[in-house]
Amino acid sequence: MTYNTKTIYPAQEDKDGRKVTTTKQTDVAVELKKDEVLKLYNSYREAGYSVNVSFQPPLATKSSDEKEDNDDKDDKAEVVSLVSPFDVAKRLAKQGIEYRASLKIKSKGAYEDMKDIMKLVEAEGYEYNVNVTLKVNDETTTNIDNPDSWTDEETNVFRVSPKASTDNAEELHQLYDTLNDKGYEVEITIKPKAPKADDMDDEDDSFANQLSAYPDGTLVTFKLTEDDA
């Protein structure tokens, strides 16, 4: 099993007189074995960096004609994860690794389309924020002084952001499935919590366990910051 890695280094500033040049460095490596990823992680920490780690399971593109019960050939291709976020959560839990699961709705659209999402989210007991982008010009009837007009225009774009975050991914499963079944684009992100370790060996073991919970081809991103401690 191999992994891909991306390392984002702290931005470096070079000053020459009144001119300041900012240099950003990102390194990418592919098809690293587990021990190579662990060695890379340890090298950053031994160099004095604070390392923030994120994991992205491999993605695949499913064309419209590969979707079940879909006769509309004009639908866009769908990018799907090769492993369920709920499976990742189960693997982490089995190894005693705490995580935070969050649900994000990527679909956006006119008020009437998004109103159904609001009702579904509210029915599951979650609070949510609604962001709206209003299009106001000579061709629209949107009146900034009349909130009732904001929901009439199809050109106005609504986005719903649920406050749906939990330590147990299964609590999000029903809402996730319901939104998916109704054709909305929704994703679950699983972020393992930073290990609570008193020494480097314990933290190394925790990262190794986290890595083992993710499948072949996972992208591991290391974001480095200068450790002031």
Protein backbone atom coordinates (compact mmCIF):
# COMPACT_ATOMS: atom_id res chain seq x y z
CA MET A 1 0.00 0.00 0.00
CA THR A 2 1.34 3.43 -0.94
CA TYR A 3 0.45 7.04 -0.22
CA ASN A 4 0.99 10.42 -1.88
CA THR A 5 2.22 13.37 0.15
CA LYS A 6 2.14 17.14 -0.17
CA THR A 7 4.28 19.31 2.09
CA ILE A 8 3.51 23.01 2.49
CA TYR A 9 6.40 24.92 4.01
CA PRO A 10 6.16 28.21 5.91
CA ALA A 11 6.36 31.23 3.62
CA GLN A 12 9.80 32.82 3.57
CA GLU A 13 10.31 36.56 3.25
CA ASP A 14 13.48 38.08 1.82
CA LYS A 15 14.00 41.81 2.20
CA ASP A 16 16.21 43.76 -0.19
CA GLY A 17 16.02 47.42 0.66
CA ARG A 18 12.37 48.44 0.32
CA LYS A 19 11.47 45.32 -1.64
CA VAL A 20 10.09 42.27 0.17
CA THR A 21 9.91 38.97 -1.72
CA THR A 22 7.72 36.16 -0.38
CA THR A 23 8.64 32.63 -1.41
CA LYS A 24 6.22 29.72 -0.99
CA GLN A 25 7.46 26.15 -1.29
CA THR A 26 5.34 23.02 -1.77
CA ASP A 27 6.82 19.56 -2.25
CA VAL A 28 4.88 16.62 -3.68
CA ALA A 29 5.85 12.95 -3.52
CA VAL A 30 3.94 9.97 -4.93
CA GLU A 31 3.66 6.29 -4.15
CA LEU A 32 5.49 6.38 -0.84
CA LYS A 33 5.33 3.32 1.38
CA LYS A 34 4.05 3.69 4.92
CA ASP A 35 7.52 3.65 6.48
CA GLU A 36 8.63 6.36 4.04
CA VAL A 37 5.69 8.60 5.01
CA LEU A 38 6.48 8.05 8.70
CA LYS A 39 10.13 8.90 8.07
CA LEU A 40 9.11 12.10 6.27
CA TYR A 41 6.76 13.08 9.11
CA ASN A 42 9.47 12.48 11.71
CA SER A 43 12.04 14.45 9.73
CA TYR A 44 9.84 17.56 9.86
CA ARG A 45 9.31 17.28 13.60
CA GLU A 46 12.99 16.64 14.23
CA ALA A 47 13.72 19.77 12.19
CA GLY A 48 11.67 21.77 14.70
CA TYR A 49 8.48 22.23 12.70
CA SER A 50 4.98 22.00 14.08
CA VAL A 51 3.16 19.65 11.69
CA ASN A 52 -0.56 19.86 10.89
CA VAL A 53 -1.69 16.74 9.04
CA SER A 54 -4.75 16.17 6.85
CA PHE A 55 -5.81 13.08 4.92
CA GLN A 56 -7.75 12.90 1.64
CA PRO A 57 -8.78 9.43 0.48
CA PRO A 58 -8.45 8.80 -3.27
CA LEU A 59 -11.16 10.11 -5.56
CA ALA A 60 -12.63 8.74 -8.76
CA THR A 61 -14.79 10.28 -11.47
CA LYS A 62 -18.09 8.54 -12.14
CA SER A 63 -19.68 9.53 -15.44
CA SER A 64 -23.43 10.05 -15.72
CA ASP A 65 -24.01 6.74 -17.52
CA GLU A 66 -22.33 4.89 -14.64
CA LYS A 67 -24.85 6.23 -12.13
CA GLU A 68 -27.66 3.93 -11.17
CA ASP A 69 -31.17 4.81 -12.35
CA ASN A 70 -29.94 7.84 -14.26
CA ASP A 71 -31.24 8.39 -17.78
CA ASP A 72 -30.10 12.00 -18.08
CA LYS A 73 -26.93 11.92 -20.14
CA ASP A 74 -26.47 15.67 -19.74
CA ASP A 75 -25.62 15.35 -16.03
CA LYS A 76 -22.08 16.32 -15.15
CA ALA A 77 -19.59 13.68 -14.09
CA GLU A 78 -19.53 13.12 -10.36
CA VAL A 79 -16.35 13.00 -8.27
CA VAL A 80 -16.70 10.34 -5.59
CA SER A 81 -14.44 8.97 -2.89
CA LEU A 82 -13.23 5.40 -3.32
CA VAL A 83 -13.79 4.86 0.40
CA SER A 84 -16.70 5.97 2.54
CA PRO A 85 -15.88 8.61 5.18
CA PHE A 86 -17.92 6.48 7.57
CA ASP A 87 -15.57 3.55 6.92
CA VAL A 88 -12.60 5.78 7.73
CA ALA A 89 -14.32 6.88 10.94
CA LYS A 90 -14.89 3.24 11.93
CA ARG A 91 -11.23 2.40 11.33
CA LEU A 92 -10.11 5.33 13.45
CA ALA A 93 -12.52 4.44 16.25
CA LYS A 94 -11.39 0.80 16.18
CA GLN A 95 -7.84 1.99 16.83
CA GLY A 96 -8.95 4.31 19.62
CA ILE A 97 -8.22 7.47 17.61
CA GLU A 98 -10.53 10.40 18.27
CA TYR A 99 -11.74 12.42 15.30
CA ARG A 100 -14.15 15.18 14.32
CA ALA A 101 -16.69 14.57 11.55
CA SER A 102 -18.30 17.53 9.76
CA LEU A 103 -21.02 17.68 7.12
CA LYS A 104 -20.80 20.24 4.35
CA ILE A 105 -23.42 20.93 1.68
CA LYS A 106 -21.74 21.93 -1.56
CA SER A 107 -24.94 22.48 -3.56
CA LYS A 108 -26.17 26.05 -3.99
CA GLY A 109 -29.01 27.60 -5.95
CA ALA A 110 -32.26 29.52 -5.95
CA TYR A 111 -34.24 29.92 -2.76
CA GLU A 112 -36.96 27.41 -3.66
CA ASP A 113 -34.32 24.74 -4.32
CA MET A 114 -32.41 25.43 -1.12
CA LYS A 115 -35.52 25.71 1.04
CA ASP A 116 -35.88 21.92 0.95
CA ILE A 117 -32.34 21.58 2.29
CA MET A 118 -33.11 23.97 5.13
CA LYS A 119 -36.13 21.89 6.13
CA LEU A 120 -34.15 18.63 6.02
CA VAL A 121 -31.33 20.06 8.13
CA GLU A 122 -33.76 21.53 10.64
CA ALA A 123 -35.68 18.24 10.84
CA GLU A 124 -32.46 16.54 11.94
CA GLY A 125 -32.08 19.08 14.74
CA TYR A 126 -29.13 21.04 13.36
CA GLU A 127 -28.77 24.80 13.27
CA TYR A 128 -27.58 26.33 10.02
CA ASN A 129 -26.45 29.54 8.38
CA VAL A 130 -27.74 30.79 5.03
CA ASN A 131 -25.53 32.89 2.79
CA VAL A 132 -27.12 34.63 -0.18
CA THR A 133 -25.61 36.41 -3.15
CA LEU A 134 -28.05 38.93 -4.62
CA LYS A 135 -27.90 40.02 -8.23
CA VAL A 136 -29.12 43.60 -8.48
CA ASN A 137 -29.19 45.33 -11.85
CA ASP A 138 -31.59 46.67 -14.48
CA GLU A 139 -32.50 43.13 -15.55
CA THR A 140 -33.56 41.83 -12.12
CA THR A 141 -36.46 42.68 -9.86
CA THR A 142 -34.47 42.31 -6.67
CA ASN A 143 -34.92 45.32 -4.42
CA ILE A 144 -32.31 45.65 -1.71
CA ASP A 145 -34.84 47.50 0.46
CA ASN A 146 -37.44 44.76 0.12
CA PRO A 147 -36.29 41.39 1.59
CA ASP A 148 -39.38 39.69 0.16
CA SER A 149 -37.96 40.20 -3.32
CA TRP A 150 -34.73 38.41 -2.50
CA THR A 151 -36.29 34.95 -2.74
CA ASP A 152 -38.11 35.49 -6.04
CA GLU A 153 -35.17 35.78 -8.39
CA GLU A 154 -33.56 32.59 -9.75
CA THR A 155 -30.40 34.65 -10.26
CA ASN A 156 -29.99 35.06 -6.49
CA VAL A 157 -27.83 32.26 -5.08
CA PHE A 158 -28.44 30.68 -1.68
CA ARG A 159 -26.00 28.44 0.19
CA VAL A 160 -26.86 26.48 3.34
CA SER A 161 -24.15 25.73 5.92
CA PRO A 162 -25.29 23.35 8.66
CA LYS A 163 -23.64 23.45 12.07
CA ALA A 164 -23.23 19.69 11.84
CA SER A 165 -20.05 18.55 13.51
CA THR A 166 -19.64 15.60 15.86
CA ASP A 167 -17.24 13.09 17.40
CA ASN A 168 -19.42 10.25 16.07
CA ALA A 169 -19.77 10.19 12.27
CA GLU A 170 -22.78 7.87 12.44
CA GLU A 171 -24.84 10.76 13.83
CA LEU A 172 -24.51 12.43 10.42
CA HIS A 173 -25.31 9.33 8.39
CA GLN A 174 -29.07 9.82 8.05
CA LEU A 175 -28.84 13.47 6.96
CA TYR A 176 -26.01 12.60 4.57
CA ASP A 177 -27.99 9.78 2.96
CA THR A 178 -31.19 11.84 2.74
CA LEU A 179 -29.46 14.75 1.01
CA ASN A 180 -27.64 12.40 -1.35
CA ASP A 181 -30.84 10.55 -2.25
CA LYS A 182 -32.47 13.87 -3.17
CA GLY A 183 -29.60 14.72 -5.50
CA TYR A 184 -27.78 17.34 -3.42
CA GLU A 185 -23.99 17.44 -3.35
CA VAL A 186 -22.83 16.83 0.20
CA GLU A 187 -19.60 15.68 1.80
CA ILE A 188 -18.38 14.41 5.16
CA THR A 189 -14.90 15.37 6.27
CA ILE A 190 -13.14 13.27 8.90
CA LYS A 191 -10.31 14.98 10.75
CA PRO A 192 -8.37 12.93 13.30
CA LYS A 193 -7.68 14.90 16.45
CA ALA A 194 -4.11 15.85 17.27
CA PRO A 195 -2.57 13.15 19.45
CA LYS A 196 -2.32 13.85 23.16
CA ALA A 197 1.22 12.70 23.72
CA ASP A 198 3.87 13.61 26.24
CA ASP A 199 6.79 12.51 24.11
CA MET A 200 7.74 12.09 20.47
CA ASP A 201 7.46 8.29 20.45
CA ASP A 202 3.81 8.39 21.55
CA GLU A 203 3.00 10.99 18.90
CA ASP A 204 4.81 8.94 16.25
CA ASP A 205 2.72 5.88 17.15
CA SER A 206 -0.49 7.93 17.00
CA PHE A 207 0.30 9.26 13.52
CA ALA A 208 1.19 5.76 12.32
CA ASN A 209 -2.19 4.50 13.54
CA GLN A 210 -3.99 7.37 11.82
CA LEU A 211 -2.20 6.61 8.57
CA SER A 212 -3.19 2.95 8.76
CA ALA A 213 -6.87 3.91 8.83
CA TYR A 214 -6.67 5.33 5.29
CA PRO A 215 -6.62 3.32 2.04
CA ASP A 216 -4.09 2.98 -0.72
CA GLY A 217 -3.58 6.19 -2.70
CA THR A 218 -4.55 8.58 0.12
CA LEU A 219 -3.08 12.07 -0.12
CA VAL A 220 -1.37 13.07 3.13
CA THR A 221 -0.82 16.82 3.44
CA PHE A 222 1.77 18.17 5.87
CA LYS A 223 1.38 21.88 6.64
CA LEU A 224 4.48 23.08 8.44
CA THR A 225 4.78 26.04 10.79
CA GLU A 226 7.72 27.28 12.77
CA ASP A 227 7.58 25.84 16.28
CA ASP A 228 8.10 28.72 18.71
CA ALA A 229 8.29 26.42 21.73
